[in-house]
N, C-alpha and C. Protein backbone atom coordinates (compact mmCIF):
# COMPACT_ATOMS: atom_id res chain seq x y z
N SER A 1 16.96 8.60 4.75
CA SER A 1 18.31 7.81 4.59
C SER A 1 19.12 8.56 5.05
N SER A 2 19.76 9.02 5.74
CA SER A 2 20.92 10.00 5.61
C SER A 2 21.82 9.70 5.43
N GLY A 3 22.20 8.08 5.86
CA GLY A 3 23.27 7.10 5.71
C GLY A 3 24.08 7.67 4.54
N ILE A 4 24.60 7.49 3.00
CA ILE A 4 25.33 7.31 2.16
C ILE A 4 25.23 8.63 1.68
N ASN A 5 24.17 9.02 1.74
CA ASN A 5 24.28 10.73 1.26
C ASN A 5 25.48 11.03 2.33
N ALA A 6 24.94 11.04 3.52
CA ALA A 6 25.88 11.77 4.89
C ALA A 6 27.34 11.90 4.49
N GLU A 7 27.47 10.44 4.47
CA GLU A 7 29.15 10.35 4.45
C GLU A 7 29.40 11.15 3.11
N TYR A 8 29.32 11.24 2.14
CA TYR A 8 29.86 11.52 0.91
C TYR A 8 29.13 13.27 0.97
N GLY A 9 28.89 13.37 1.75
CA GLY A 9 29.18 15.12 1.81
C GLY A 9 27.72 15.59 1.34
N GLY A 10 26.24 14.62 1.19
CA GLY A 10 25.15 14.70 0.81
C GLY A 10 24.05 15.63 1.88
N LYS A 11 23.37 16.07 1.24
CA LYS A 11 22.76 17.31 1.75
C LYS A 11 21.90 16.04 2.82
N LYS A 12 21.24 16.58 3.78
CA LYS A 12 20.38 15.77 4.66
C LYS A 12 18.75 15.51 3.82
N LYS A 13 18.64 17.03 3.92
CA LYS A 13 16.84 17.07 3.06
C LYS A 13 16.43 17.00 1.53
N LYS A 14 17.78 16.15 0.65
CA LYS A 14 18.23 15.87 -0.66
C LYS A 14 16.49 15.52 -0.87
N LYS A 15 16.28 14.12 0.09
CA LYS A 15 15.03 13.46 -0.79
C LYS A 15 13.77 14.25 -1.06
N ASP A 16 13.98 15.41 0.07
CA ASP A 16 12.81 16.46 -0.55
C ASP A 16 13.29 16.70 -1.15
N GLU A 17 13.76 17.63 -0.97
CA GLU A 17 13.76 18.94 -2.21
C GLU A 17 14.29 17.84 -4.07
N GLU A 18 14.50 17.02 -3.69
CA GLU A 18 14.22 15.84 -5.24
C GLU A 18 13.68 16.18 -5.49
N GLU A 19 12.32 15.62 -4.83
CA GLU A 19 10.54 14.83 -4.85
C GLU A 19 10.38 16.43 -5.66
N GLU A 20 10.64 17.70 -5.13
CA GLU A 20 9.33 18.58 -5.44
C GLU A 20 10.66 19.54 -6.78
N VAL A 21 11.52 19.49 -7.01
CA VAL A 21 12.29 19.66 -8.11
C VAL A 21 12.81 18.20 -9.13
N ASP A 22 12.81 18.25 -10.19
CA ASP A 22 13.40 17.73 -10.99
C ASP A 22 14.31 17.92 -11.57
N GLU A 23 15.90 18.45 -11.34
CA GLU A 23 16.73 18.90 -11.84
C GLU A 23 18.06 18.26 -11.83
N LYS A 24 18.90 18.70 -12.45
CA LYS A 24 20.85 17.71 -13.05
C LYS A 24 21.53 17.77 -11.19
N PRO A 25 22.06 17.16 -11.17
CA PRO A 25 23.17 16.83 -9.91
C PRO A 25 24.08 17.69 -9.89
N SER A 26 24.62 18.40 -8.96
CA SER A 26 25.79 19.53 -8.71
C SER A 26 27.04 19.16 -10.02
N GLU A 27 28.10 19.76 -9.29
CA GLU A 27 29.17 19.35 -10.09
C GLU A 27 29.81 18.62 -9.40
N GLU A 28 29.64 18.86 -7.84
CA GLU A 28 30.21 17.82 -6.99
C GLU A 28 30.02 16.74 -6.65
N TRP A 29 28.70 16.32 -6.99
CA TRP A 29 28.29 15.25 -6.79
C TRP A 29 28.47 14.36 -8.48
N ALA A 30 28.86 15.01 -9.32
CA ALA A 30 29.17 13.72 -10.77
C ALA A 30 30.66 13.82 -10.28
N SER A 31 31.13 14.28 -9.79
CA SER A 31 33.27 14.27 -8.96
C SER A 31 33.35 13.62 -8.21
N GLY A 32 32.50 13.15 -7.54
CA GLY A 32 32.46 12.68 -6.27
C GLY A 32 32.30 10.73 -6.45
N VAL A 33 31.75 10.62 -5.59
CA VAL A 33 32.63 8.57 -4.81
C VAL A 33 31.54 8.17 -5.29
N VAL A 34 29.66 8.61 -5.30
CA VAL A 34 28.62 8.20 -5.45
C VAL A 34 28.63 7.86 -7.26
N PHE A 35 28.86 9.47 -7.71
CA PHE A 35 29.27 9.16 -9.29
C PHE A 35 29.73 7.92 -9.81
N LYS A 36 31.63 7.61 -9.49
CA LYS A 36 32.15 6.80 -9.84
C LYS A 36 31.53 5.45 -9.71
N LYS A 37 30.88 4.85 -8.13
CA LYS A 37 30.28 3.89 -7.80
C LYS A 37 28.66 3.41 -8.74
N CYS A 38 27.95 4.28 -9.21
CA CYS A 38 27.28 4.10 -10.11
C CYS A 38 27.71 4.28 -11.71
N LYS A 39 28.97 4.50 -11.81
CA LYS A 39 29.48 4.19 -12.90
C LYS A 39 29.82 2.94 -13.70
N GLU A 40 30.60 2.56 -12.52
CA GLU A 40 30.56 1.19 -12.38
C GLU A 40 29.55 0.65 -12.58
N MET A 41 28.35 0.24 -11.81
CA MET A 41 27.54 -0.02 -11.84
C MET A 41 26.49 -0.11 -12.73
N MET A 42 26.45 1.37 -13.21
CA MET A 42 25.80 0.76 -14.90
C MET A 42 26.50 0.73 -16.14
N ARG A 43 28.41 0.44 -15.54
CA ARG A 43 28.56 -0.05 -17.09
C ARG A 43 28.75 -1.35 -17.73
N PRO A 44 27.77 -2.30 -17.19
CA PRO A 44 26.91 -3.46 -18.65
C PRO A 44 25.79 -2.78 -19.74
N VAL A 45 25.35 -1.30 -19.75
CA VAL A 45 24.98 -0.33 -20.30
C VAL A 45 25.08 0.59 -20.62
N ARG A 46 26.14 0.71 -20.84
CA ARG A 46 27.25 1.89 -21.08
C ARG A 46 26.70 2.54 -22.95
N LYS A 47 26.67 1.61 -23.27
CA LYS A 47 26.45 1.73 -25.13
C LYS A 47 24.83 2.57 -24.99
N THR A 48 24.34 1.71 -24.60
CA THR A 48 22.72 2.04 -24.45
C THR A 48 22.35 3.55 -23.78
N LEU A 49 23.87 3.82 -22.73
CA LEU A 49 23.37 5.21 -22.09
C LEU A 49 23.95 6.22 -23.63
N ARG A 50 25.31 5.92 -23.90
CA ARG A 50 25.62 6.36 -24.87
C ARG A 50 24.49 6.98 -26.32
N MET A 51 24.07 5.88 -26.96
CA MET A 51 22.82 5.92 -27.87
C MET A 51 21.51 7.08 -27.06
N LEU A 52 21.83 6.47 -25.43
CA LEU A 52 20.43 7.26 -25.08
C LEU A 52 20.61 9.02 -25.35
N GLU A 53 21.84 9.29 -25.25
CA GLU A 53 22.83 10.81 -24.86
C GLU A 53 22.82 11.70 -26.60
N ASN A 54 23.27 10.14 -27.45
CA ASN A 54 22.82 10.72 -28.69
C ASN A 54 21.67 10.07 -29.67
N PRO A 55 20.83 10.43 -30.05
CA PRO A 55 19.77 9.65 -30.79
C PRO A 55 19.94 9.80 -32.12
N ASP A 56 19.10 9.36 -33.00
CA ASP A 56 19.19 8.38 -34.34
C ASP A 56 18.18 9.52 -34.84
N THR A 57 19.18 11.30 -35.10
CA THR A 57 18.73 11.84 -35.26
C THR A 57 17.49 12.14 -36.53
N GLY A 58 17.70 10.99 -36.98
CA GLY A 58 17.38 10.84 -39.13
C GLY A 58 16.16 9.98 -38.92
N LEU A 59 15.47 9.66 -37.54
CA LEU A 59 14.09 8.43 -37.43
C LEU A 59 13.18 9.90 -37.29
N ASP A 60 11.60 9.49 -37.29
CA ASP A 60 11.10 10.22 -37.65
C ASP A 60 10.60 10.06 -35.99
N LYS A 61 9.70 11.28 -35.39
CA LYS A 61 10.09 11.05 -33.71
C LYS A 61 8.87 9.75 -33.07
N GLU A 62 8.01 9.26 -33.77
CA GLU A 62 7.82 7.89 -33.53
C GLU A 62 8.82 7.12 -33.51
N ASP A 63 9.36 6.49 -34.26
CA ASP A 63 10.78 6.25 -34.45
C ASP A 63 11.60 6.43 -32.94
N GLN A 64 12.17 7.40 -32.85
CA GLN A 64 12.82 7.84 -31.91
C GLN A 64 12.06 7.40 -29.93
N LEU A 65 11.14 7.95 -30.66
CA LEU A 65 10.45 7.53 -29.17
C LEU A 65 10.11 6.32 -28.81
N ARG A 66 10.15 5.54 -29.56
CA ARG A 66 10.50 3.90 -29.24
C ARG A 66 11.76 3.17 -29.12
N GLN A 67 12.54 4.04 -29.45
CA GLN A 67 14.09 3.45 -29.24
C GLN A 67 14.73 4.46 -28.04
N THR A 68 13.67 5.27 -27.76
CA THR A 68 14.19 5.84 -26.70
C THR A 68 13.54 5.15 -25.26
N LYS A 69 12.29 4.41 -25.65
CA LYS A 69 11.74 3.30 -24.91
C LYS A 69 12.48 2.12 -24.83
N GLU A 70 12.99 1.76 -25.85
CA GLU A 70 13.47 0.76 -25.18
C GLU A 70 15.16 0.64 -24.74
N TYR A 71 15.51 2.17 -25.22
CA TYR A 71 16.93 2.35 -24.16
C TYR A 71 16.39 2.29 -22.69
N LEU A 72 15.98 3.33 -22.16
CA LEU A 72 14.88 3.31 -21.20
C LEU A 72 14.30 1.77 -20.16
N LEU A 73 13.74 0.94 -21.12
CA LEU A 73 13.84 -0.42 -20.48
C LEU A 73 15.10 -0.69 -20.35
N THR A 74 16.41 -0.56 -21.02
CA THR A 74 17.53 -1.59 -20.81
C THR A 74 18.22 -0.77 -19.66
N ILE A 75 18.08 0.15 -19.64
CA ILE A 75 18.78 0.72 -18.43
C ILE A 75 18.14 0.50 -16.94
N GLY A 76 16.86 0.44 -16.89
CA GLY A 76 15.90 0.39 -16.09
C GLY A 76 16.10 -1.25 -15.44
N GLN A 77 15.76 -1.93 -16.41
CA GLN A 77 15.91 -3.13 -15.80
C GLN A 77 18.06 -3.56 -15.33
N GLN A 78 18.57 -2.40 -15.61
CA GLN A 78 20.07 -3.09 -15.27
C GLN A 78 20.08 -2.54 -14.44
N ILE A 79 19.40 -1.26 -13.82
CA ILE A 79 19.00 -0.54 -12.12
C ILE A 79 18.69 -1.09 -10.98
N GLU A 80 17.29 -2.28 -11.41
CA GLU A 80 16.46 -3.42 -10.81
C GLU A 80 17.60 -4.58 -10.69
N LYS A 81 18.45 -4.80 -11.57
CA LYS A 81 19.14 -5.99 -11.16
C LYS A 81 20.51 -5.66 -10.22
N THR A 82 21.13 -4.11 -10.34
CA THR A 82 21.40 -3.83 -9.28
C THR A 82 21.43 -4.08 -7.92
N CYS A 83 20.05 -3.73 -8.04
CA CYS A 83 19.29 -3.73 -6.60
C CYS A 83 18.89 -5.36 -6.58
N GLU A 84 19.13 -5.79 -6.77
CA GLU A 84 18.46 -7.30 -6.22
C GLU A 84 19.40 -7.60 -5.13
N GLY A 85 18.49 -7.86 -4.43
CA GLY A 85 18.57 -9.01 -2.73
C GLY A 85 19.47 -7.90 -1.92
N ARG A 86 18.83 -6.58 -1.90
CA ARG A 86 19.81 -5.65 -1.30
C ARG A 86 18.95 -4.97 -0.40
N GLN A 87 19.13 -4.72 0.76
CA GLN A 87 18.34 -3.66 1.33
C GLN A 87 17.33 -2.79 1.14
N GLU A 88 15.89 -2.91 1.80
CA GLU A 88 15.07 -1.67 0.99
C GLU A 88 15.85 -0.35 1.10
N GLU A 89 16.51 -0.43 2.18
CA GLU A 89 16.89 1.54 2.23
C GLU A 89 18.47 1.62 0.77
N TRP A 90 18.81 0.71 1.18
CA TRP A 90 20.03 0.68 0.07
C TRP A 90 19.60 0.69 -1.06
N ILE A 91 18.31 -0.04 -1.37
CA ILE A 91 17.24 0.18 -3.06
C ILE A 91 16.77 1.77 -3.28
N THR A 92 16.41 1.85 -2.13
CA THR A 92 15.56 3.32 -2.02
C THR A 92 16.61 4.81 -2.67
N GLU A 93 17.65 4.49 -1.96
CA GLU A 93 18.94 5.62 -2.10
C GLU A 93 19.79 5.09 -3.78
N TRP A 94 19.95 3.85 -3.90
CA TRP A 94 20.91 3.97 -5.33
C TRP A 94 19.64 3.61 -6.22
N THR A 95 18.24 3.30 -5.82
CA THR A 95 17.87 3.13 -7.20
C THR A 95 17.69 4.80 -8.08
N GLU A 96 17.67 5.85 -6.57
CA GLU A 96 17.52 7.60 -6.80
C GLU A 96 18.62 7.97 -7.22
N ASN A 97 20.16 7.70 -7.05
CA ASN A 97 21.12 8.37 -7.32
C ASN A 97 21.71 7.20 -8.88
N LEU A 98 21.37 6.00 -9.03
CA LEU A 98 21.29 5.41 -10.43
C LEU A 98 21.01 6.30 -11.74
N TRP A 99 19.12 6.73 -11.29
CA TRP A 99 18.54 7.86 -12.35
C TRP A 99 19.24 8.82 -12.33
N VAL A 100 19.70 9.57 -11.10
CA VAL A 100 20.29 10.92 -11.21
C VAL A 100 21.43 10.89 -12.40
N PHE A 101 22.20 9.56 -12.20
CA PHE A 101 23.23 9.22 -13.05
C PHE A 101 23.19 8.91 -14.45
N VAL A 102 21.90 8.44 -14.70
CA VAL A 102 20.78 8.12 -16.41
C VAL A 102 20.68 9.48 -16.80
N SER A 103 20.32 10.36 -15.68
CA SER A 103 19.57 11.96 -16.49
C SER A 103 20.77 12.65 -16.70
N GLN A 104 22.46 12.28 -16.73
CA GLN A 104 23.23 12.86 -16.77
C GLN A 104 23.58 12.79 -18.67
N PHE A 105 22.56 11.96 -19.02
CA PHE A 105 23.37 11.71 -20.64
C PHE A 105 21.69 11.92 -21.59
N THR A 106 20.73 12.60 -20.50
CA THR A 106 19.55 13.53 -21.77
C THR A 106 19.14 14.57 -20.51
N PRO A 107 18.53 15.21 -21.50
CA PRO A 107 18.34 16.38 -20.82
C PRO A 107 16.84 16.50 -20.26
N ILE A 108 16.44 14.96 -19.93
CA ILE A 108 15.49 14.24 -18.81
C ILE A 108 15.69 14.54 -17.86
N GLY A 109 15.08 15.32 -16.69
CA GLY A 109 15.46 14.95 -15.36
C GLY A 109 15.36 13.69 -14.55
N PRO A 110 15.83 13.44 -13.59
CA PRO A 110 16.07 12.03 -12.71
C PRO A 110 14.52 11.20 -12.24
N ASN A 111 13.37 12.15 -12.12
CA ASN A 111 12.12 11.68 -11.49
C ASN A 111 11.24 11.03 -12.78
N LYS A 112 11.82 11.72 -13.91
CA LYS A 112 10.58 11.76 -15.31
C LYS A 112 11.28 10.48 -15.98
N LEU A 113 12.46 10.73 -15.96
CA LEU A 113 13.35 9.33 -16.92
C LEU A 113 12.96 7.70 -15.92
N LYS A 114 12.62 8.17 -14.44
CA LYS A 114 11.62 6.91 -13.72
C LYS A 114 10.44 6.44 -14.29
N LYS A 115 10.08 7.73 -14.25
CA LYS A 115 8.18 7.51 -14.33
C LYS A 115 8.30 7.04 -16.00
N LEU A 116 8.89 7.18 -16.41
CA LEU A 116 8.72 6.78 -18.38
C LEU A 116 9.43 5.45 -18.43
N TYR A 117 10.41 4.60 -17.86
CA TYR A 117 10.64 3.79 -17.25
C TYR A 117 9.75 2.94 -16.98
N GLU A 118 9.05 3.38 -16.08
CA GLU A 118 8.02 2.58 -15.44
C GLU A 118 6.66 1.98 -15.80
N LYS A 119 6.60 3.42 -16.86
CA LYS A 119 5.75 3.02 -18.04
C LYS A 119 5.65 2.61 -18.81
N ALA A 120 7.14 2.70 -19.93
CA ALA A 120 7.45 2.08 -20.78
C ALA A 120 7.20 -0.01 -20.22
N LEU A 121 7.66 -0.12 -18.91
CA LEU A 121 7.39 -1.20 -18.27
C LEU A 121 6.08 -1.75 -18.56
N LYS A 122 5.39 -0.74 -17.81
CA LYS A 122 4.06 -1.44 -18.27
C LYS A 122 3.17 -2.04 -19.13
N GLN A 123 3.23 -1.07 -20.47
CA GLN A 123 3.06 -1.21 -21.31
C GLN A 123 3.23 -2.50 -22.41
N ASN A 124 5.33 -2.99 -21.82
CA ASN A 124 5.60 -3.53 -22.37
C ASN A 124 5.16 -4.83 -22.14
N SER A 125 4.57 -4.92 -20.77
CA SER A 125 4.53 -6.43 -19.85
C SER A 125 2.58 -6.56 -20.20
N ASP A 126 2.21 -5.47 -20.62
CA ASP A 126 0.96 -6.50 -21.35
C ASP A 126 0.01 -7.39 -20.87
N GLY A 127 -0.37 -7.67 -19.52
CA GLY A 127 -0.69 -8.79 -18.92
C GLY A 127 0.61 -9.84 -18.48
N ASN A 128 1.46 -10.03 -18.99
CA ASN A 128 2.12 -10.44 -18.33
C ASN A 128 3.46 -9.89 -17.44
N SER A 129 2.69 -10.34 -16.05
CA SER A 129 2.73 -9.06 -14.98
C SER A 129 4.19 -9.88 -14.48
N LYS A 130 5.05 -9.76 -15.25
CA LYS A 130 6.58 -10.68 -14.61
C LYS A 130 7.07 -9.72 -13.64
N SER A 131 7.49 -8.78 -13.50
CA SER A 131 8.58 -8.33 -12.71
C SER A 131 8.17 -6.31 -12.59
N SER A 132 6.53 -6.03 -13.08
CA SER A 132 6.14 -4.99 -13.75
C SER A 132 5.65 -4.64 -12.47
N LYS A 133 4.86 -5.12 -11.02
CA LYS A 133 4.89 -5.16 -10.05
C LYS A 133 5.62 -4.99 -8.84
N LYS A 134 7.12 -5.80 -9.53
CA LYS A 134 7.91 -6.22 -8.29
C LYS A 134 8.08 -5.27 -7.24
N ARG A 135 9.17 -3.75 -7.82
CA ARG A 135 9.48 -2.95 -6.83
C ARG A 135 8.35 -1.75 -6.70
N LYS A 136 7.42 -1.55 -6.39
CA LYS A 136 6.37 -0.17 -6.71
C LYS A 136 6.64 0.15 -5.65
N ARG A 137 7.01 1.94 -5.27
CA ARG A 137 7.10 2.69 -4.49
C ARG A 137 5.64 3.23 -4.09
């Protein structure tokens, strides 16, 4: 999937690197076209992103964890909604880009965030398998 990444000056072997290392994107990424597109796509959940960035420290660990899961569910569902009806290659690339964008709001890296979202989704659907098995990679 060198498509959009290559167009915006991305590295071609980016995909392999990101599976190995789960780290924050470069400044170059954050100031670029991809960032602006992500920002636009995630506009409906910007309040949730801010809450993820500044969690309620007055809560105990368990409540903080529960709240973070709720935020990730909201954010992840927005990412899935954004991908509806798109081609598989687009979905793969932009799901990755959007989770990288979300990782800007938390010390957690994009791959781990996605895994946490998928885990929360599984726990949340406990039996009513509505959309939990839809887009499994």
